[in-house]
Amino acid sequence: MTGRLVPDPFLVPAHFEGDGFRLEPLGPQHNERDYEAWMSSIDHIRSTPGLADWDWPTPMSLEQNLGDLEGHARDFRERTGFTYSILDEDEVIGCVYIYPPRVQGADASVRSWVRASRAEMDARVWRSLSAWLAAEWPFERLDYAERD
């Protein structure tokens, strides 16, 4: 399992249906929709629980965003991290990142955000994802900032 976040036998979910949203692995096919979602919501994302200490988001070009999405897709294939696009129909309303732990004692660090125009979805996404991660993923302790 060297370098991998989950053991080889674990079947990484390709999709998840949440309360008013769905997940699919983030990749280049989301570039324009993802870019628009986060570029329109930089201050909102920075104020999201768990994201205040991140060095992202910072403005970048659509081409630079594509490079980031390709990196997330590579991490997913290599099982070193898992980023999902949060969708409502075809609209990208946010992302969730499942990566190696950033705090001592956690099995994984999870961060999620929703775009400013869908801020009401943040707590709902957090509740759905927390239950999904507890039930379907091989983690015992997550670092995932609580929501009100």
N, C-alpha and C. Protein backbone atom coordinates (compact mmCIF):
# COMPACT_ATOMS: atom_id res chain seq x y z
N MET A 1 0.83 -1.20 0.00
CA MET A 1 0.00 0.00 0.00
C MET A 1 0.87 1.26 0.00
N THR A 2 2.12 1.15 -0.25
CA THR A 2 3.05 2.27 -0.19
C THR A 2 2.55 3.47 -0.99
N GLY A 3 2.43 4.61 -0.29
CA GLY A 3 2.00 5.84 -0.94
C GLY A 3 0.52 5.93 -1.22
N ARG A 4 -0.18 4.83 -1.07
CA ARG A 4 -1.60 4.82 -1.37
C ARG A 4 -2.40 5.14 -0.12
N LEU A 5 -3.50 5.83 -0.32
CA LEU A 5 -4.34 6.25 0.80
C LEU A 5 -5.25 5.12 1.29
N VAL A 6 -5.62 4.23 0.38
CA VAL A 6 -6.49 3.11 0.72
C VAL A 6 -5.84 1.81 0.27
N PRO A 7 -6.14 0.69 0.94
CA PRO A 7 -5.54 -0.59 0.54
C PRO A 7 -6.00 -1.02 -0.86
N ASP A 8 -5.16 -1.80 -1.54
CA ASP A 8 -5.46 -2.24 -2.90
C ASP A 8 -6.82 -2.94 -3.05
N PRO A 9 -7.23 -3.78 -2.11
CA PRO A 9 -8.52 -4.46 -2.33
C PRO A 9 -9.74 -3.54 -2.24
N PHE A 10 -9.57 -2.35 -1.65
CA PHE A 10 -10.72 -1.45 -1.49
C PHE A 10 -11.17 -0.92 -2.85
N LEU A 11 -12.47 -1.07 -3.12
CA LEU A 11 -13.05 -0.56 -4.35
C LEU A 11 -13.47 0.89 -4.13
N VAL A 12 -12.73 1.81 -4.72
CA VAL A 12 -13.00 3.23 -4.55
C VAL A 12 -14.31 3.56 -5.26
N PRO A 13 -15.25 4.18 -4.55
CA PRO A 13 -16.53 4.51 -5.17
C PRO A 13 -16.35 5.47 -6.35
N ALA A 14 -17.01 5.14 -7.46
CA ALA A 14 -16.96 5.99 -8.65
C ALA A 14 -18.04 7.07 -8.61
N HIS A 15 -19.05 6.88 -7.79
CA HIS A 15 -20.15 7.83 -7.70
C HIS A 15 -20.74 7.79 -6.30
N PHE A 16 -21.46 8.83 -5.97
CA PHE A 16 -22.23 8.87 -4.72
C PHE A 16 -23.41 9.80 -4.94
N GLU A 17 -24.57 9.37 -4.49
CA GLU A 17 -25.78 10.20 -4.55
C GLU A 17 -26.05 10.71 -3.15
N GLY A 18 -25.93 12.01 -2.97
CA GLY A 18 -26.17 12.63 -1.68
C GLY A 18 -27.52 13.31 -1.63
N ASP A 19 -27.72 14.07 -0.59
CA ASP A 19 -28.98 14.79 -0.36
C ASP A 19 -29.00 16.05 -1.22
N GLY A 20 -29.50 15.94 -2.45
CA GLY A 20 -29.59 17.08 -3.35
C GLY A 20 -28.36 17.30 -4.22
N PHE A 21 -27.46 16.32 -4.26
CA PHE A 21 -26.24 16.43 -5.08
C PHE A 21 -25.73 15.03 -5.39
N ARG A 22 -24.77 14.98 -6.29
CA ARG A 22 -24.09 13.73 -6.58
C ARG A 22 -22.61 14.00 -6.75
N LEU A 23 -21.82 12.97 -6.57
CA LEU A 23 -20.37 13.07 -6.76
C LEU A 23 -19.95 12.24 -7.95
N GLU A 24 -18.94 12.74 -8.65
CA GLU A 24 -18.22 11.94 -9.63
C GLU A 24 -16.77 12.39 -9.57
N PRO A 25 -15.83 11.48 -9.89
CA PRO A 25 -14.42 11.85 -9.82
C PRO A 25 -14.13 13.10 -10.65
N LEU A 26 -13.42 14.05 -10.06
CA LEU A 26 -13.06 15.28 -10.74
C LEU A 26 -12.02 14.99 -11.80
N GLY A 27 -12.22 15.55 -12.97
CA GLY A 27 -11.25 15.36 -14.05
C GLY A 27 -11.35 16.47 -15.07
N PRO A 28 -10.56 16.39 -16.12
CA PRO A 28 -10.52 17.42 -17.15
C PRO A 28 -11.88 17.75 -17.76
N GLN A 29 -12.79 16.80 -17.76
CA GLN A 29 -14.12 17.03 -18.34
C GLN A 29 -14.91 18.08 -17.56
N HIS A 30 -14.49 18.39 -16.35
CA HIS A 30 -15.17 19.39 -15.51
C HIS A 30 -14.53 20.77 -15.60
N ASN A 31 -13.48 20.94 -16.39
CA ASN A 31 -12.64 22.13 -16.31
C ASN A 31 -13.41 23.45 -16.33
N GLU A 32 -14.18 23.70 -17.35
CA GLU A 32 -14.86 25.00 -17.45
C GLU A 32 -15.86 25.20 -16.33
N ARG A 33 -16.64 24.17 -16.00
CA ARG A 33 -17.65 24.29 -14.94
C ARG A 33 -17.00 24.43 -13.57
N ASP A 34 -15.94 23.67 -13.33
CA ASP A 34 -15.21 23.76 -12.07
C ASP A 34 -14.58 25.15 -11.92
N TYR A 35 -13.93 25.61 -12.96
CA TYR A 35 -13.27 26.91 -12.95
C TYR A 35 -14.26 28.02 -12.63
N GLU A 36 -15.38 28.01 -13.28
CA GLU A 36 -16.40 29.03 -13.03
C GLU A 36 -16.91 28.96 -11.60
N ALA A 37 -17.08 27.75 -11.08
CA ALA A 37 -17.61 27.58 -9.72
C ALA A 37 -16.68 28.19 -8.68
N TRP A 38 -15.41 27.85 -8.74
CA TRP A 38 -14.52 28.35 -7.69
C TRP A 38 -14.05 29.78 -7.93
N MET A 39 -13.88 30.17 -9.19
CA MET A 39 -13.45 31.56 -9.44
C MET A 39 -14.52 32.56 -9.01
N SER A 40 -15.77 32.15 -9.04
CA SER A 40 -16.86 33.04 -8.62
C SER A 40 -17.07 33.01 -7.11
N SER A 41 -16.26 32.21 -6.39
CA SER A 41 -16.53 31.95 -4.98
C SER A 41 -15.28 31.98 -4.10
N ILE A 42 -14.23 32.65 -4.52
CA ILE A 42 -12.95 32.59 -3.81
C ILE A 42 -13.10 32.98 -2.34
N ASP A 43 -13.70 34.12 -2.04
CA ASP A 43 -13.83 34.53 -0.64
C ASP A 43 -14.70 33.57 0.15
N HIS A 44 -15.75 33.08 -0.46
CA HIS A 44 -16.64 32.12 0.20
C HIS A 44 -15.88 30.82 0.53
N ILE A 45 -15.12 30.33 -0.40
CA ILE A 45 -14.35 29.09 -0.18
C ILE A 45 -13.35 29.29 0.95
N ARG A 46 -12.66 30.42 0.94
CA ARG A 46 -11.66 30.69 1.98
C ARG A 46 -12.29 30.77 3.37
N SER A 47 -13.58 31.07 3.45
CA SER A 47 -14.26 31.15 4.75
C SER A 47 -14.91 29.83 5.15
N THR A 48 -14.76 28.80 4.34
CA THR A 48 -15.35 27.50 4.62
C THR A 48 -14.56 26.78 5.71
N PRO A 49 -15.23 26.17 6.69
CA PRO A 49 -14.50 25.44 7.74
C PRO A 49 -13.51 24.44 7.13
N GLY A 50 -12.29 24.47 7.65
CA GLY A 50 -11.25 23.56 7.21
C GLY A 50 -10.41 24.08 6.06
N LEU A 51 -10.80 25.19 5.45
CA LEU A 51 -10.06 25.68 4.30
C LEU A 51 -9.30 26.98 4.56
N ALA A 52 -9.42 27.52 5.74
CA ALA A 52 -8.75 28.80 6.04
C ALA A 52 -7.23 28.70 5.93
N ASP A 53 -6.65 27.53 6.19
CA ASP A 53 -5.19 27.38 6.15
C ASP A 53 -4.67 26.90 4.80
N TRP A 54 -5.52 26.78 3.81
CA TRP A 54 -5.10 26.35 2.48
C TRP A 54 -4.51 27.52 1.72
N ASP A 55 -3.60 27.23 0.79
CA ASP A 55 -3.05 28.27 -0.07
C ASP A 55 -3.86 28.40 -1.37
N TRP A 56 -4.94 27.71 -1.45
CA TRP A 56 -5.87 27.76 -2.58
C TRP A 56 -7.22 28.16 -2.02
N PRO A 57 -8.06 28.86 -2.71
CA PRO A 57 -7.94 29.23 -4.12
C PRO A 57 -7.22 30.56 -4.34
N THR A 58 -6.47 30.58 -5.41
CA THR A 58 -5.87 31.81 -5.89
C THR A 58 -6.16 31.88 -7.39
N PRO A 59 -6.43 33.05 -7.90
CA PRO A 59 -6.76 33.17 -9.32
C PRO A 59 -5.71 32.52 -10.21
N MET A 60 -6.19 31.85 -11.23
CA MET A 60 -5.33 31.21 -12.23
C MET A 60 -6.09 31.17 -13.54
N SER A 61 -5.41 30.78 -14.58
CA SER A 61 -6.04 30.68 -15.90
C SER A 61 -6.82 29.36 -16.02
N LEU A 62 -7.67 29.31 -17.00
CA LEU A 62 -8.41 28.08 -17.29
C LEU A 62 -7.44 26.95 -17.61
N GLU A 63 -6.35 27.27 -18.32
CA GLU A 63 -5.35 26.26 -18.66
C GLU A 63 -4.64 25.74 -17.40
N GLN A 64 -4.33 26.63 -16.45
CA GLN A 64 -3.72 26.20 -15.19
C GLN A 64 -4.68 25.32 -14.40
N ASN A 65 -5.96 25.67 -14.42
CA ASN A 65 -6.97 24.86 -13.74
C ASN A 65 -7.01 23.45 -14.33
N LEU A 66 -6.93 23.37 -15.65
CA LEU A 66 -6.91 22.07 -16.32
C LEU A 66 -5.74 21.23 -15.80
N GLY A 67 -4.58 21.84 -15.64
CA GLY A 67 -3.43 21.12 -15.09
C GLY A 67 -3.71 20.59 -13.70
N ASP A 68 -4.38 21.41 -12.86
CA ASP A 68 -4.76 20.94 -11.52
C ASP A 68 -5.70 19.76 -11.59
N LEU A 69 -6.70 19.84 -12.48
CA LEU A 69 -7.67 18.74 -12.59
C LEU A 69 -6.99 17.47 -13.08
N GLU A 70 -6.04 17.60 -14.00
CA GLU A 70 -5.29 16.43 -14.45
C GLU A 70 -4.49 15.82 -13.30
N GLY A 71 -3.95 16.65 -12.43
CA GLY A 71 -3.24 16.15 -11.25
C GLY A 71 -4.16 15.41 -10.30
N HIS A 72 -5.35 15.96 -10.07
CA HIS A 72 -6.32 15.27 -9.20
C HIS A 72 -6.74 13.93 -9.81
N ALA A 73 -6.94 13.89 -11.12
CA ALA A 73 -7.31 12.64 -11.79
C ALA A 73 -6.18 11.61 -11.66
N ARG A 74 -4.94 12.06 -11.77
CA ARG A 74 -3.78 11.16 -11.61
C ARG A 74 -3.73 10.62 -10.18
N ASP A 75 -3.92 11.50 -9.19
CA ASP A 75 -3.96 11.04 -7.80
C ASP A 75 -5.02 9.96 -7.61
N PHE A 76 -6.19 10.17 -8.22
CA PHE A 76 -7.29 9.21 -8.10
C PHE A 76 -6.86 7.86 -8.68
N ARG A 77 -6.29 7.88 -9.89
CA ARG A 77 -5.85 6.63 -10.53
C ARG A 77 -4.79 5.93 -9.69
N GLU A 78 -3.89 6.71 -9.10
CA GLU A 78 -2.79 6.14 -8.33
C GLU A 78 -3.18 5.85 -6.88
N ARG A 79 -4.42 6.23 -6.51
CA ARG A 79 -4.98 5.95 -5.19
C ARG A 79 -4.25 6.69 -4.07
N THR A 80 -3.66 7.84 -4.40
CA THR A 80 -2.95 8.64 -3.40
C THR A 80 -3.82 9.77 -2.86
N GLY A 81 -4.94 10.02 -3.48
CA GLY A 81 -5.90 11.04 -3.06
C GLY A 81 -7.10 10.96 -3.98
N PHE A 82 -8.24 11.43 -3.46
CA PHE A 82 -9.49 11.30 -4.21
C PHE A 82 -10.25 12.61 -4.18
N THR A 83 -10.40 13.22 -5.34
CA THR A 83 -11.16 14.46 -5.46
C THR A 83 -12.38 14.19 -6.31
N TYR A 84 -13.52 14.62 -5.77
CA TYR A 84 -14.79 14.46 -6.47
C TYR A 84 -15.38 15.83 -6.75
N SER A 85 -16.01 15.94 -7.91
CA SER A 85 -16.81 17.11 -8.22
C SER A 85 -18.18 16.91 -7.59
N ILE A 86 -18.68 17.96 -6.95
CA ILE A 86 -20.03 17.94 -6.37
C ILE A 86 -20.95 18.58 -7.40
N LEU A 87 -21.93 17.82 -7.86
CA LEU A 87 -22.79 18.28 -8.95
C LEU A 87 -24.25 18.29 -8.56
N ASP A 88 -24.97 19.23 -9.13
CA ASP A 88 -26.43 19.26 -9.11
C ASP A 88 -26.82 19.31 -10.57
N GLU A 89 -27.37 18.21 -11.06
CA GLU A 89 -27.55 18.03 -12.51
C GLU A 89 -26.16 18.14 -13.14
N ASP A 90 -25.96 19.07 -14.08
CA ASP A 90 -24.64 19.24 -14.70
C ASP A 90 -23.85 20.40 -14.11
N GLU A 91 -24.45 21.13 -13.16
CA GLU A 91 -23.78 22.27 -12.56
C GLU A 91 -22.79 21.81 -11.50
N VAL A 92 -21.55 22.26 -11.60
CA VAL A 92 -20.57 22.02 -10.55
C VAL A 92 -20.89 22.98 -9.42
N ILE A 93 -21.20 22.41 -8.26
CA ILE A 93 -21.51 23.27 -7.11
C ILE A 93 -20.42 23.21 -6.04
N GLY A 94 -19.39 22.37 -6.26
CA GLY A 94 -18.30 22.29 -5.30
C GLY A 94 -17.39 21.11 -5.56
N CYS A 95 -16.54 20.84 -4.58
CA CYS A 95 -15.60 19.72 -4.64
C CYS A 95 -15.39 19.15 -3.25
N VAL A 96 -14.99 17.89 -3.22
CA VAL A 96 -14.55 17.25 -1.98
C VAL A 96 -13.20 16.60 -2.26
N TYR A 97 -12.27 16.76 -1.30
CA TYR A 97 -10.91 16.24 -1.40
C TYR A 97 -10.69 15.26 -0.26
N ILE A 98 -10.25 14.06 -0.59
CA ILE A 98 -9.92 13.04 0.40
C ILE A 98 -8.45 12.72 0.19
N TYR A 99 -7.62 13.14 1.12
CA TYR A 99 -6.17 13.04 0.95
C TYR A 99 -5.51 12.54 2.24
N PRO A 100 -4.21 12.25 2.18
CA PRO A 100 -3.52 11.80 3.39
C PRO A 100 -3.72 12.79 4.53
N PRO A 101 -3.66 12.28 5.75
CA PRO A 101 -3.96 13.13 6.91
C PRO A 101 -2.99 14.29 7.05
N ARG A 102 -3.57 15.41 7.49
CA ARG A 102 -2.77 16.60 7.78
C ARG A 102 -2.60 16.79 9.28
N VAL A 103 -3.27 15.95 10.07
CA VAL A 103 -3.16 16.03 11.52
C VAL A 103 -2.82 14.64 12.07
N GLN A 104 -2.08 14.65 13.17
CA GLN A 104 -1.68 13.41 13.83
C GLN A 104 -2.90 12.61 14.26
N GLY A 105 -2.89 11.31 14.00
CA GLY A 105 -3.94 10.42 14.47
C GLY A 105 -5.10 10.23 13.50
N ALA A 106 -5.18 11.01 12.44
CA ALA A 106 -6.25 10.84 11.46
C ALA A 106 -5.81 9.87 10.39
N ASP A 107 -6.77 9.20 9.77
CA ASP A 107 -6.50 8.30 8.65
C ASP A 107 -6.52 9.05 7.32
N ALA A 108 -7.27 10.14 7.28
CA ALA A 108 -7.39 10.94 6.05
C ALA A 108 -7.87 12.34 6.42
N SER A 109 -7.50 13.29 5.59
CA SER A 109 -8.02 14.65 5.71
C SER A 109 -9.04 14.86 4.60
N VAL A 110 -10.18 15.40 4.97
CA VAL A 110 -11.25 15.64 4.02
C VAL A 110 -11.58 17.12 4.06
N ARG A 111 -11.71 17.71 2.89
CA ARG A 111 -12.12 19.10 2.77
C ARG A 111 -13.18 19.17 1.69
N SER A 112 -14.16 20.01 1.89
CA SER A 112 -15.17 20.22 0.86
C SER A 112 -15.55 21.68 0.83
N TRP A 113 -16.02 22.12 -0.31
CA TRP A 113 -16.53 23.47 -0.46
C TRP A 113 -17.69 23.44 -1.45
N VAL A 114 -18.53 24.43 -1.32
CA VAL A 114 -19.59 24.65 -2.30
C VAL A 114 -19.48 26.11 -2.76
N ARG A 115 -19.94 26.36 -3.96
CA ARG A 115 -19.86 27.71 -4.51
C ARG A 115 -20.75 28.66 -3.71
N ALA A 116 -20.43 29.94 -3.75
CA ALA A 116 -21.13 30.95 -2.96
C ALA A 116 -22.62 30.96 -3.26
N SER A 117 -22.99 30.77 -4.52
CA SER A 117 -24.41 30.82 -4.89
C SER A 117 -25.19 29.61 -4.37
N ARG A 118 -24.50 28.62 -3.84
CA ARG A 118 -25.14 27.42 -3.28
C ARG A 118 -24.70 27.20 -1.83
N ALA A 119 -24.40 28.28 -1.13
CA ALA A 119 -23.89 28.20 0.24
C ALA A 119 -24.78 27.38 1.16
N GLU A 120 -26.07 27.39 0.91
CA GLU A 120 -27.01 26.64 1.77
C GLU A 120 -26.76 25.13 1.72
N MET A 121 -26.00 24.67 0.73
CA MET A 121 -25.72 23.23 0.57
C MET A 121 -24.55 22.76 1.44
N ASP A 122 -23.77 23.67 1.99
CA ASP A 122 -22.53 23.27 2.67
C ASP A 122 -22.76 22.28 3.80
N ALA A 123 -23.64 22.60 4.73
CA ALA A 123 -23.88 21.69 5.86
C ALA A 123 -24.52 20.38 5.39
N ARG A 124 -25.39 20.46 4.42
CA ARG A 124 -26.03 19.25 3.88
C ARG A 124 -25.00 18.33 3.23
N VAL A 125 -24.09 18.91 2.45
CA VAL A 125 -23.01 18.13 1.83
C VAL A 125 -22.14 17.51 2.92
N TRP A 126 -21.76 18.31 3.93
CA TRP A 126 -20.92 17.79 5.01
C TRP A 126 -21.58 16.60 5.72
N ARG A 127 -22.87 16.73 6.04
CA ARG A 127 -23.58 15.62 6.72
C ARG A 127 -23.60 14.37 5.85
N SER A 128 -23.97 14.52 4.58
CA SER A 128 -24.04 13.36 3.67
C SER A 128 -22.68 12.71 3.48
N LEU A 129 -21.66 13.54 3.27
CA LEU A 129 -20.32 12.99 3.06
C LEU A 129 -19.77 12.34 4.31
N SER A 130 -20.02 12.92 5.46
CA SER A 130 -19.55 12.32 6.71
C SER A 130 -20.14 10.93 6.90
N ALA A 131 -21.42 10.78 6.65
CA ALA A 131 -22.07 9.47 6.78
C ALA A 131 -21.53 8.49 5.75
N TRP A 132 -21.36 8.93 4.51
CA TRP A 132 -20.83 8.08 3.43
C TRP A 132 -19.41 7.63 3.74
N LEU A 133 -18.57 8.54 4.17
CA LEU A 133 -17.19 8.19 4.48
C LEU A 133 -17.12 7.19 5.64
N ALA A 134 -17.97 7.37 6.63
CA ALA A 134 -17.98 6.45 7.78
C ALA A 134 -18.48 5.06 7.38
N ALA A 135 -19.45 5.01 6.49
CA ALA A 135 -20.07 3.73 6.12
C ALA A 135 -19.32 2.99 5.02
N GLU A 136 -18.73 3.71 4.06
CA GLU A 136 -18.22 3.06 2.86
C GLU A 136 -16.70 3.08 2.69
N TRP A 137 -16.01 3.87 3.44
CA TRP A 137 -14.56 4.01 3.27
C TRP A 137 -13.83 3.34 4.43
N PRO A 138 -12.57 2.94 4.21
CA PRO A 138 -11.82 2.19 5.25
C PRO A 138 -11.09 3.09 6.24
N PHE A 139 -11.72 4.18 6.65
CA PHE A 139 -11.10 5.11 7.59
C PHE A 139 -11.79 5.01 8.95
N GLU A 140 -11.00 5.10 10.00
CA GLU A 140 -11.57 5.11 11.34
C GLU A 140 -11.66 6.51 11.92
N ARG A 141 -10.70 7.36 11.57
CA ARG A 141 -10.70 8.72 12.10
C ARG A 141 -10.38 9.71 10.98
N LEU A 142 -11.31 10.61 10.76
CA LEU A 142 -11.15 11.62 9.71
C LEU A 142 -10.88 12.99 10.29
N ASP A 143 -10.11 13.75 9.58
CA ASP A 143 -9.94 15.18 9.84
C ASP A 143 -10.84 15.89 8.83
N TYR A 144 -12.05 16.27 9.28
CA TYR A 144 -13.05 16.91 8.41
C TYR A 144 -13.78 17.91 9.26
N ALA A 145 -13.55 19.19 9.00
CA ALA A 145 -14.10 20.27 9.84
C ALA A 145 -15.62 20.21 9.89
N GLU A 146 -16.14 20.25 11.11
CA GLU A 146 -17.60 20.19 11.32
C GLU A 146 -18.29 21.46 10.82
N ARG A 147 -19.55 21.29 10.52
CA ARG A 147 -20.41 22.40 10.10
C ARG A 147 -21.50 22.58 11.16
N ASP A 148 -22.06 23.76 11.20
CA ASP A 148 -23.17 24.04 12.14
C ASP A 148 -24.42 23.29 11.71
